[in-house]
């Protein structure tokens, strides 16, 4: 596991689910490293909220650090992988909010081309 990913509270989880969580985390870092370029760390903290007859509800806190700033989120599900995925999806949504102004949409590109043609 890379130094950038830290898992807390995953000691009681079996190795299969732990491997799935690390795979999801690695894919998340690879995907978002294209836009951020300098992800410093990703911390995932697991808590078991409540349990009933063989089922456990998982609460996952995620914290992403990049360029001296941090984004936090949390996810809560009956399935561990879904809770991790939900928490990371919330971070990704926040990243899109922060950096969406940098992307030019296809509609804006067409508008720029039309104005350039008019100016020629």
C-alpha atoms as a PDB file:
ATOM      1  CA  UNK A   1       0.000   0.000   0.000  1.00  0.00           C
ATOM      2  CA  UNK A   2       1.419   3.410  -0.905  1.00  0.00           C
ATOM      3  CA  UNK A   3       2.498   5.798   1.807  1.00  0.00           C
ATOM      4  CA  UNK A   4      -0.182   8.269   0.775  1.00  0.00           C
ATOM      5  CA  UNK A   5      -3.080   6.020   1.849  1.00  0.00           C
ATOM      6  CA  UNK A   6      -3.730   5.450   5.543  1.00  0.00           C
ATOM      7  CA  UNK A   7      -6.452   3.113   6.795  1.00  0.00           C
ATOM      8  CA  UNK A   8      -7.559   3.424  10.435  1.00  0.00           C
ATOM      9  CA  UNK A   9     -10.009   1.055  12.103  1.00  0.00           C
ATOM     10  CA  UNK A  10      -9.699  -1.655   9.449  1.00  0.00           C
ATOM     11  CA  UNK A  11      -7.996  -4.178  11.748  1.00  0.00           C
ATOM     12  CA  UNK A  12     -11.111  -6.362  12.206  1.00  0.00           C
ATOM     13  CA  UNK A  13     -11.964  -6.408   8.492  1.00  0.00           C
ATOM     14  CA  UNK A  14     -11.073  -9.498   6.446  1.00  0.00           C
ATOM     15  CA  UNK A  15      -8.298  -9.259   3.868  1.00  0.00           C
ATOM     16  CA  UNK A  16     -10.634  -9.539   0.838  1.00  0.00           C
ATOM     17  CA  UNK A  17     -12.624  -6.420   1.762  1.00  0.00           C
ATOM     18  CA  UNK A  18      -9.455  -4.632   2.837  1.00  0.00           C
ATOM     19  CA  UNK A  19      -7.921  -5.289  -0.599  1.00  0.00           C
ATOM     20  CA  UNK A  20     -11.060  -3.973  -2.295  1.00  0.00           C
ATOM     21  CA  UNK A  21     -10.873  -0.794  -0.202  1.00  0.00           C
ATOM     22  CA  UNK A  22      -7.207  -0.252  -1.107  1.00  0.00           C
ATOM     23  CA  UNK A  23      -7.987  -0.835  -4.800  1.00  0.00           C
ATOM     24  CA  UNK A  24     -10.801   1.730  -4.696  1.00  0.00           C
ATOM     25  CA  UNK A  25      -8.504   4.183  -2.910  1.00  0.00           C
ATOM     26  CA  UNK A  26      -5.694   3.696  -5.421  1.00  0.00           C
ATOM     27  CA  UNK A  27      -8.039   4.215  -8.364  1.00  0.00           C
ATOM     28  CA  UNK A  28      -9.404   7.347  -6.680  1.00  0.00           C
ATOM     29  CA  UNK A  29      -5.901   8.777  -6.206  1.00  0.00           C
ATOM     30  CA  UNK A  30      -4.842   7.928  -9.780  1.00  0.00           C
ATOM     31  CA  UNK A  31      -7.986   9.508 -11.228  1.00  0.00           C
ATOM     32  CA  UNK A  32      -7.787  12.715  -9.206  1.00  0.00           C
ATOM     33  CA  UNK A  33      -4.016  13.043  -9.409  1.00  0.00           C
ATOM     34  CA  UNK A  34      -4.475  14.053 -13.048  1.00  0.00           C
ATOM     35  CA  UNK A  35      -6.233  17.257 -12.013  1.00  0.00           C
ATOM     36  CA  UNK A  36      -4.595  17.946  -8.652  1.00  0.00           C
ATOM     37  CA  UNK A  37      -1.040  16.780  -9.524  1.00  0.00           C
ATOM     38  CA  UNK A  38       0.042  16.817  -5.878  1.00  0.00           C
ATOM     39  CA  UNK A  39      -2.092  14.666  -3.604  1.00  0.00           C
ATOM     40  CA  UNK A  40      -0.307  14.450  -0.282  1.00  0.00           C
ATOM     41  CA  UNK A  41      -2.457  11.895   1.561  1.00  0.00           C
ATOM     42  CA  UNK A  42      -5.761  10.065   1.781  1.00  0.00           C
ATOM     43  CA  UNK A  43      -6.901   9.004   5.254  1.00  0.00           C
ATOM     44  CA  UNK A  44      -9.823   6.630   5.684  1.00  0.00           C
ATOM     45  CA  UNK A  45     -11.208   5.998   9.172  1.00  0.00           C
ATOM     46  CA  UNK A  46     -13.726   3.235   9.772  1.00  0.00           C
ATOM     47  CA  UNK A  47     -16.303   3.009  12.565  1.00  0.00           C
ATOM     48  CA  UNK A  48     -18.981   0.415  13.037  1.00  0.00           C
ATOM     49  CA  UNK A  49     -22.148   2.310  13.918  1.00  0.00           C
ATOM     50  CA  UNK A  50     -24.621  -0.393  14.813  1.00  0.00           C
ATOM     51  CA  UNK A  51     -25.055  -4.070  14.218  1.00  0.00           C
ATOM     52  CA  UNK A  52     -28.055  -6.330  13.957  1.00  0.00           C
ATOM     53  CA  UNK A  53     -28.241 -10.093  13.471  1.00  0.00           C
ATOM     54  CA  UNK A  54     -25.088 -10.532  11.427  1.00  0.00           C
ATOM     55  CA  UNK A  55     -25.238  -7.148   9.689  1.00  0.00           C
ATOM     56  CA  UNK A  56     -23.035  -4.188  10.516  1.00  0.00           C
ATOM     57  CA  UNK A  57     -23.478  -0.575   9.520  1.00  0.00           C
ATOM     58  CA  UNK A  58     -20.202   1.118   8.589  1.00  0.00           C
ATOM     59  CA  UNK A  59     -19.340   4.785   8.936  1.00  0.00           C
ATOM     60  CA  UNK A  60     -16.300   5.931   6.922  1.00  0.00           C
ATOM     61  CA  UNK A  61     -14.594   9.298   7.329  1.00  0.00           C
ATOM     62  CA  UNK A  62     -12.336  10.292   4.443  1.00  0.00           C
ATOM     63  CA  UNK A  63      -9.805  13.106   4.401  1.00  0.00           C
ATOM     64  CA  UNK A  64      -7.886  14.143   1.290  1.00  0.00           C
ATOM     65  CA  UNK A  65      -4.891  16.468   1.561  1.00  0.00           C
ATOM     66  CA  UNK A  66      -3.419  18.349  -1.382  1.00  0.00           C
ATOM     67  CA  UNK A  67      -1.451  21.585  -1.741  1.00  0.00           C
ATOM     68  CA  UNK A  68      -1.771  22.368   1.955  1.00  0.00           C
ATOM     69  CA  UNK A  69      -5.578  22.091   1.983  1.00  0.00           C
ATOM     70  CA  UNK A  70      -7.879  19.314   3.116  1.00  0.00           C
ATOM     71  CA  UNK A  71     -11.292  18.071   2.058  1.00  0.00           C
ATOM     72  CA  UNK A  72     -13.276  15.839   4.383  1.00  0.00           C
ATOM     73  CA  UNK A  73     -16.366  13.738   3.858  1.00  0.00           C
ATOM     74  CA  UNK A  74     -18.176  10.795   5.334  1.00  0.00           C
ATOM     75  CA  UNK A  75     -20.255   7.899   4.103  1.00  0.00           C
ATOM     76  CA  UNK A  76     -22.579   5.533   5.904  1.00  0.00           C
ATOM     77  CA  UNK A  77     -23.781   2.199   4.489  1.00  0.00           C
ATOM     78  CA  UNK A  78     -24.476  -1.405   5.455  1.00  0.00           C
ATOM     79  CA  UNK A  79     -21.819  -2.516   2.976  1.00  0.00           C
ATOM     80  CA  UNK A  80     -18.203  -1.523   3.693  1.00  0.00           C
ATOM     81  CA  UNK A  81     -17.176  -1.060   0.054  1.00  0.00           C
ATOM     82  CA  UNK A  82     -20.283   1.046  -0.629  1.00  0.00           C
ATOM     83  CA  UNK A  83     -19.530   3.239   2.404  1.00  0.00           C
ATOM     84  CA  UNK A  84     -15.955   3.863   1.215  1.00  0.00           C
ATOM     85  CA  UNK A  85     -17.152   4.514  -2.322  1.00  0.00           C
ATOM     86  CA  UNK A  86     -19.818   6.934  -1.075  1.00  0.00           C
ATOM     87  CA  UNK A  87     -17.306   8.852   1.016  1.00  0.00           C
ATOM     88  CA  UNK A  88     -14.817   9.145  -1.858  1.00  0.00           C
ATOM     89  CA  UNK A  89     -17.595  10.143  -4.274  1.00  0.00           C
ATOM     90  CA  UNK A  90     -18.478  13.045  -1.971  1.00  0.00           C
ATOM     91  CA  UNK A  91     -14.855  14.216  -2.023  1.00  0.00           C
ATOM     92  CA  UNK A  92     -14.819  13.935  -5.813  1.00  0.00           C
ATOM     93  CA  UNK A  93     -18.018  16.004  -6.011  1.00  0.00           C
ATOM     94  CA  UNK A  94     -16.423  18.694  -3.850  1.00  0.00           C
ATOM     95  CA  UNK A  95     -13.331  18.697  -6.074  1.00  0.00           C
ATOM     96  CA  UNK A  96     -15.527  19.177  -9.132  1.00  0.00           C
ATOM     97  CA  UNK A  97     -17.220  22.131  -7.449  1.00  0.00           C
ATOM     98  CA  UNK A  98     -13.889  23.743  -6.636  1.00  0.00           C
ATOM     99  CA  UNK A  99     -12.238  23.160 -10.000  1.00  0.00           C
ATOM    100  CA  UNK A 100     -15.157  23.179 -12.441  1.00  0.00           C
ATOM    101  CA  UNK A 101     -14.511  26.789 -13.482  1.00  0.00           C
ATOM    102  CA  UNK A 102     -11.219  25.686 -15.055  1.00  0.00           C
ATOM    103  CA  UNK A 103     -12.834  23.398 -17.597  1.00  0.00           C
ATOM    104  CA  UNK A 104     -14.295  24.810 -20.782  1.00  0.00           C
ATOM    105  CA  UNK A 105     -17.385  22.963 -21.927  1.00  0.00           C
ATOM    106  CA  UNK A 106     -18.004  21.943 -25.520  1.00  0.00           C
ATOM    107  CA  UNK A 107     -20.773  24.546 -25.794  1.00  0.00           C
ATOM    108  CA  UNK A 108     -18.352  27.285 -24.741  1.00  0.00           C
ATOM    109  CA  UNK A 109     -15.773  26.067 -27.276  1.00  0.00           C
ATOM    110  CA  UNK A 110     -18.339  26.313 -30.101  1.00  0.00           C
ATOM    111  CA  UNK A 111     -19.243  29.822 -29.010  1.00  0.00           C
ATOM    112  CA  UNK A 112     -15.578  30.843 -29.032  1.00  0.00           C
ATOM    113  CA  UNK A 113     -15.147  29.394 -32.533  1.00  0.00           C
ATOM    114  CA  UNK A 114     -18.189  31.299 -33.808  1.00  0.00           C
ATOM    115  CA  UNK A 115     -16.915  34.609 -32.444  1.00  0.00           C
ATOM    116  CA  UNK A 116     -13.455  33.967 -33.894  1.00  0.00           C
ATOM    117  CA  UNK A 117     -14.990  33.309 -37.306  1.00  0.00           C
ATOM    118  CA  UNK A 118     -16.961  36.545 -37.097  1.00  0.00           C
ATOM    119  CA  UNK A 119     -13.860  38.502 -36.187  1.00  0.00           C
ATOM    120  CA  UNK A 120     -11.867  37.146 -39.146  1.00  0.00           C
END
